[in-house]
Amino acid sequence: MYLVYKAGGFQGQVRLWQLFESDRLEFFDLDDEAISRMIVLMQKYHDTPMDLADASLIAVAERLGLKRIFTLDSDFRIYRRVGT
């Protein structure tokens, strides 16, 4: 939401919430396994640095087998999922 606000203001955030409300966007519950993976990722990319939101996106993408992540964060040119 922070990056969406920076790029598109409040109306951008409204559109993102609309995606959620229309079931085109969902939230993922982070379990212990995902959190452990986030710790590993943040250690690996400590010099970037990777923040909690970035680590959660990678961990969830890996868990769900997703090949693409939509983000406005330029650091994602650096981050790699397992197997990529």
C-alpha atoms as a PDB file:
ATOM      1  CA  MET A   1       0.000   0.000   0.000  1.00  0.00           C
ATOM      2  CA  TYR A   2       2.883   2.346   0.730  1.00  0.00           C
ATOM      3  CA  LEU A   3       4.328   2.000  -2.770  1.00  0.00           C
ATOM      4  CA  VAL A   4       0.891   2.137  -4.389  1.00  0.00           C
ATOM      5  CA  TYR A   5       0.237   5.390  -2.535  1.00  0.00           C
ATOM      6  CA  LYS A   6       3.570   6.816  -3.691  1.00  0.00           C
ATOM      7  CA  ALA A   7       2.790   5.865  -7.308  1.00  0.00           C
ATOM      8  CA  GLY A   8      -0.941   6.570  -7.495  1.00  0.00           C
ATOM      9  CA  GLY A   9      -2.046   8.322  -4.331  1.00  0.00           C
ATOM     10  CA  PHE A  10      -5.120   7.407  -2.372  1.00  0.00           C
ATOM     11  CA  GLN A  11      -7.022   6.461  -5.538  1.00  0.00           C
ATOM     12  CA  GLY A  12      -4.384   3.830  -6.268  1.00  0.00           C
ATOM     13  CA  GLN A  13      -4.955   2.371  -2.821  1.00  0.00           C
ATOM     14  CA  VAL A  14      -8.723   2.392  -3.414  1.00  0.00           C
ATOM     15  CA  ARG A  15      -8.232   0.413  -6.630  1.00  0.00           C
ATOM     16  CA  LEU A  16      -6.031  -2.107  -4.820  1.00  0.00           C
ATOM     17  CA  TRP A  17      -8.718  -2.619  -2.149  1.00  0.00           C
ATOM     18  CA  GLN A  18     -11.260  -3.078  -4.949  1.00  0.00           C
ATOM     19  CA  LEU A  19      -9.142  -5.932  -6.318  1.00  0.00           C
ATOM     20  CA  PHE A  20      -9.291  -7.561  -2.894  1.00  0.00           C
ATOM     21  CA  GLU A  21     -13.033  -7.043  -2.589  1.00  0.00           C
ATOM     22  CA  SER A  22     -13.608  -8.564  -6.051  1.00  0.00           C
ATOM     23  CA  ASP A  23     -11.585 -11.691  -5.105  1.00  0.00           C
ATOM     24  CA  ARG A  24      -8.875 -10.883  -7.655  1.00  0.00           C
ATOM     25  CA  LEU A  25      -6.367 -10.303  -4.846  1.00  0.00           C
ATOM     26  CA  GLU A  26      -6.026 -12.339  -1.688  1.00  0.00           C
ATOM     27  CA  PHE A  27      -4.069 -12.142   1.519  1.00  0.00           C
ATOM     28  CA  PHE A  28      -1.907 -15.068   2.559  1.00  0.00           C
ATOM     29  CA  ASP A  29      -1.643 -16.186   6.166  1.00  0.00           C
ATOM     30  CA  LEU A  30       2.010 -16.396   7.176  1.00  0.00           C
ATOM     31  CA  ASP A  31       2.686 -19.572   9.143  1.00  0.00           C
ATOM     32  CA  ASP A  32       5.857 -20.594  10.984  1.00  0.00           C
ATOM     33  CA  GLU A  33       7.346 -22.133   7.831  1.00  0.00           C
ATOM     34  CA  ALA A  34       6.854 -18.921   5.846  1.00  0.00           C
ATOM     35  CA  ILE A  35       8.302 -16.838   8.664  1.00  0.00           C
ATOM     36  CA  SER A  36      11.355 -19.108   8.884  1.00  0.00           C
ATOM     37  CA  ARG A  37      11.877 -18.674   5.134  1.00  0.00           C
ATOM     38  CA  MET A  38      11.552 -14.893   5.527  1.00  0.00           C
ATOM     39  CA  ILE A  39      14.320 -14.920   8.146  1.00  0.00           C
ATOM     40  CA  VAL A  40      16.609 -16.805   5.742  1.00  0.00           C
ATOM     41  CA  LEU A  41      15.799 -14.422   2.890  1.00  0.00           C
ATOM     42  CA  MET A  42      16.403 -11.304   4.991  1.00  0.00           C
ATOM     43  CA  GLN A  43      19.763 -12.720   6.091  1.00  0.00           C
ATOM     44  CA  LYS A  44      20.688 -13.543   2.483  1.00  0.00           C
ATOM     45  CA  TYR A  45      19.800 -10.058   1.216  1.00  0.00           C
ATOM     46  CA  HIS A  46      20.920  -8.110   4.303  1.00  0.00           C
ATOM     47  CA  ASP A  47      23.116  -5.853   2.171  1.00  0.00           C
ATOM     48  CA  THR A  48      20.188  -4.716  -0.033  1.00  0.00           C
ATOM     49  CA  PRO A  49      18.452  -4.654   2.622  1.00  0.00           C
ATOM     50  CA  MET A  50      15.320  -6.771   2.238  1.00  0.00           C
ATOM     51  CA  ASP A  51      12.449  -5.681   4.449  1.00  0.00           C
ATOM     52  CA  LEU A  52       9.654  -7.756   5.954  1.00  0.00           C
ATOM     53  CA  ALA A  53       7.176  -7.005   3.153  1.00  0.00           C
ATOM     54  CA  ASP A  54       9.692  -8.019   0.464  1.00  0.00           C
ATOM     55  CA  ALA A  55      10.575 -11.235   2.273  1.00  0.00           C
ATOM     56  CA  SER A  56       6.910 -12.122   2.715  1.00  0.00           C
ATOM     57  CA  LEU A  57       6.222 -11.705  -1.017  1.00  0.00           C
ATOM     58  CA  ILE A  58       9.078 -14.024  -1.938  1.00  0.00           C
ATOM     59  CA  ALA A  59       8.160 -16.612   0.717  1.00  0.00           C
ATOM     60  CA  VAL A  60       4.523 -16.685  -0.388  1.00  0.00           C
ATOM     61  CA  ALA A  61       5.432 -16.864  -4.088  1.00  0.00           C
ATOM     62  CA  GLU A  62       7.711 -19.814  -3.380  1.00  0.00           C
ATOM     63  CA  ARG A  63       5.053 -21.572  -1.304  1.00  0.00           C
ATOM     64  CA  LEU A  64       2.362 -21.109  -3.969  1.00  0.00           C
ATOM     65  CA  GLY A  65       4.680 -21.901  -6.880  1.00  0.00           C
ATOM     66  CA  LEU A  66       4.158 -18.469  -8.422  1.00  0.00           C
ATOM     67  CA  LYS A  67       6.602 -17.345 -11.080  1.00  0.00           C
ATOM     68  CA  ARG A  68       5.602 -13.664 -11.124  1.00  0.00           C
ATOM     69  CA  ILE A  69       5.204 -11.065  -8.389  1.00  0.00           C
ATOM     70  CA  PHE A  70       3.563  -7.721  -9.049  1.00  0.00           C
ATOM     71  CA  THR A  71       5.398  -5.000  -7.172  1.00  0.00           C
ATOM     72  CA  LEU A  72       6.492  -1.413  -7.623  1.00  0.00           C
ATOM     73  CA  ASP A  73       9.676  -2.110  -5.632  1.00  0.00           C
ATOM     74  CA  SER A  74      12.809  -1.931  -7.776  1.00  0.00           C
ATOM     75  CA  ASP A  75      14.699  -4.229  -5.368  1.00  0.00           C
ATOM     76  CA  PHE A  76      12.834  -7.152  -6.936  1.00  0.00           C
ATOM     77  CA  ARG A  77      15.239  -6.963  -9.858  1.00  0.00           C
ATOM     78  CA  ILE A  78      17.782  -8.376  -7.389  1.00  0.00           C
ATOM     79  CA  TYR A  79      15.760 -10.896  -5.364  1.00  0.00           C
ATOM     80  CA  ARG A  80      15.449 -14.472  -6.593  1.00  0.00           C
ATOM     81  CA  ARG A  81      13.028 -17.212  -5.623  1.00  0.00           C
ATOM     82  CA  VAL A  82      14.289 -20.719  -4.922  1.00  0.00           C
ATOM     83  CA  GLY A  83      15.061 -22.400  -8.238  1.00  0.00           C
ATOM     84  CA  THR A  84      15.446 -19.200 -10.244  1.00  0.00           C
END
